[in-house]
Protein backbone atom coordinates (compact mmCIF):
# COMPACT_ATOMS: atom_id res chain seq x y z
CA MET A 1 106.02 142.45 81.49
CA PRO A 2 107.56 139.32 80.05
CA TRP A 3 105.24 136.99 77.94
CA THR A 4 105.03 133.56 78.27
CA GLU A 5 105.14 131.21 75.53
CA ARG A 6 100.98 130.72 75.64
CA GLY A 7 100.90 134.92 75.81
CA ARG A 8 99.81 135.26 79.20
CA SER A 9 102.36 137.07 81.43
CA ALA A 10 104.24 135.95 83.57
CA VAL A 11 103.84 136.46 87.43
CA LYS A 12 107.10 136.55 89.68
CA ALA A 13 106.91 134.34 92.67
CA VAL A 14 107.04 136.07 95.96
CA PRO A 15 107.14 134.30 99.43
CA LYS A 16 105.30 135.52 102.14
CA ASP A 17 107.19 137.73 104.03
CA LYS A 18 107.14 135.28 107.01
CA ALA A 19 108.32 132.21 105.04
CA GLN A 20 110.77 130.27 105.38
CA ARG A 21 112.81 127.65 104.19
CA ASN A 22 116.06 125.90 103.95
CA PHE A 23 116.53 124.62 100.45
CA THR A 24 119.96 122.78 101.56
CA ASP A 25 118.60 121.05 104.27
CA PRO A 26 114.50 121.44 104.39
CA GLU A 27 114.26 118.41 107.16
CA SER A 28 116.16 121.27 110.15
CA ARG A 29 114.04 123.46 111.79
CA ILE A 30 114.20 126.69 112.88
CA MET A 31 114.80 126.44 117.05
CA PRO A 32 115.05 128.59 119.74
CA SER A 33 119.30 128.98 121.05
CA LYS A 34 121.37 130.85 123.33
CA ASP A 35 121.94 133.52 120.55
CA GLY A 36 118.64 133.67 119.16
CA PHE A 37 117.51 131.05 116.86
CA VAL A 38 119.23 128.67 114.68
CA GLN A 39 118.31 126.45 111.92
CA ALA A 40 119.08 123.07 113.38
CA TYR A 41 118.04 120.00 114.82
CA ASN A 42 118.19 118.59 118.37
CA VAL A 43 120.13 115.79 119.53
CA GLN A 44 119.53 113.61 122.99
CA SER A 45 122.17 111.28 123.85
CA VAL A 46 122.44 108.20 126.39
CA VAL A 47 125.69 108.02 128.66
CA ASP A 48 126.97 105.05 130.59
CA GLU A 49 127.95 106.71 133.78
CA LYS A 50 130.99 104.26 134.35
CA CYS A 51 132.32 104.11 131.07
CA GLN A 52 131.61 107.98 130.11
CA ILE A 53 130.91 106.32 126.11
CA ILE A 54 127.55 107.31 124.41
CA VAL A 55 125.10 103.86 124.43
CA ALA A 56 122.59 105.73 122.57
CA THR A 57 121.37 108.65 120.07
CA GLU A 58 118.21 110.34 118.32
CA VAL A 59 118.30 113.00 116.12
CA THR A 60 115.00 114.99 115.65
CA ASN A 61 113.92 117.91 114.12
CA SER A 62 111.72 119.03 117.16
CA PRO A 63 112.86 121.55 119.13
CA ASN A 64 111.82 119.77 123.22
CA ASP A 65 112.22 116.84 124.59
CA ALA A 66 109.41 115.60 125.45
CA GLY A 67 108.59 112.09 124.61
CA VAL A 68 111.83 110.76 123.43
CA LEU A 69 113.28 109.63 126.83
CA ARG A 70 111.88 105.93 126.35
CA THR A 71 112.64 105.69 123.12
CA LEU A 72 116.59 106.60 124.49
CA VAL A 73 115.72 104.14 126.76
CA GLU A 74 114.93 101.29 124.36
CA MET A 75 118.02 102.18 122.16
CA ALA A 76 120.04 102.16 125.37
CA GLU A 77 119.05 98.28 126.25
CA GLN A 78 118.94 97.12 122.33
CA ASN A 79 122.42 98.73 122.44
CA THR A 80 124.06 96.96 125.27
CA GLY A 81 121.71 94.29 125.72
CA ARG A 82 121.00 95.86 129.14
CA VAL A 83 118.36 97.84 131.09
CA PRO A 84 119.45 100.98 132.62
CA LYS A 85 119.44 100.65 136.41
CA LYS A 86 119.05 104.22 137.06
CA LEU A 87 118.96 107.28 134.48
CA SER A 88 118.65 111.15 135.27
CA ALA A 89 117.33 113.66 132.73
CA ASP A 90 116.70 117.43 132.98
CA ALA A 91 112.86 118.91 133.27
CA GLY A 92 111.96 118.75 129.20
CA TYR A 93 112.30 114.97 129.27
CA TYR A 94 109.50 114.85 131.95
CA ALA A 95 105.98 112.82 130.95
CA GLN A 96 104.00 110.46 133.42
CA ASP A 97 103.55 107.94 131.29
CA ASP A 98 107.55 107.60 130.64
CA VAL A 99 107.50 107.67 134.32
CA VAL A 100 105.51 105.10 135.26
CA TRP A 101 107.35 103.01 132.06
CA LEU A 102 110.30 103.81 133.81
CA GLU A 103 108.94 101.98 137.48
CA GLU A 104 107.29 99.09 135.91
CA ARG A 105 110.75 98.66 134.42
CA GLY A 106 112.88 99.07 137.52
CA VAL A 107 115.05 101.81 136.52
CA MET A 108 115.61 104.78 138.64
CA ARG A 109 114.49 108.00 138.13
CA ILE A 110 116.26 111.70 138.57
CA LEU A 111 113.84 113.46 136.37
CA ARG A 112 112.39 116.52 137.84
CA PRO A 113 108.95 117.49 136.70
CA ASP A 114 108.56 120.65 134.39
CA VAL A 115 107.13 123.56 136.88
CA LYS A 116 107.32 125.63 134.16
CA ASN A 117 104.65 123.62 132.37
CA THR A 118 101.50 122.86 134.89
CA ALA A 119 100.20 120.41 132.51
CA ARG A 120 102.75 118.11 132.99
CA SER A 121 103.88 118.99 136.94
CA ARG A 122 100.59 118.01 138.04
CA TYR A 123 100.65 122.15 139.99
CA VAL A 124 98.92 121.96 143.09
CA PRO A 125 98.36 125.82 144.15
CA GLY A 126 99.75 126.38 147.63
CA VAL A 127 101.92 123.23 147.44
CA GLY A 128 105.67 124.03 147.14
CA PHE A 129 108.10 122.70 144.74
CA ARG A 130 109.69 119.79 147.03
CA SER A 131 106.21 118.21 147.86
CA ARG A 132 104.79 118.71 144.45
CA ILE A 133 108.17 116.41 143.18
CA HIS A 134 107.99 114.12 145.93
CA ARG A 135 104.06 113.11 145.09
CA SER A 136 104.82 113.22 141.38
CA ASN A 137 107.73 111.24 141.79
CA GLY A 138 106.71 108.93 144.27
CA TRP A 139 109.30 109.90 146.55
CA HIS A 140 109.34 110.35 150.09
CA GLY A 141 110.62 112.22 152.79
CA SER A 142 111.90 115.53 152.96
């Protein structure tokens, strides 16, 4: 066994079995993808529907999209000088606080609750999906 200058034996540094670290990009994270897991970032963009240009973008190391909707809308407003008239996003962005915030700003939203996550979609046993989406979004009709 090799000796150090103080006369003690050197201990070989061995990482734990599940320890993982990216030494070239330590801020990135291991995230699920369609191909399994990848070392990555999560990027969200806001695109102007009419002009088809990106008006805001956010890069995070969080694997989910929850909690970034408000930031993206604020960035789009700052970059364009306008509050968006309407917004569409997938269920991963859904948060009841953001829905209320969008309503207060007058933004028409097409944002369905995440039906897989009952806490976020306010699931009520025995009530169908269509009823839940209308109730949580304040939409009425059949």
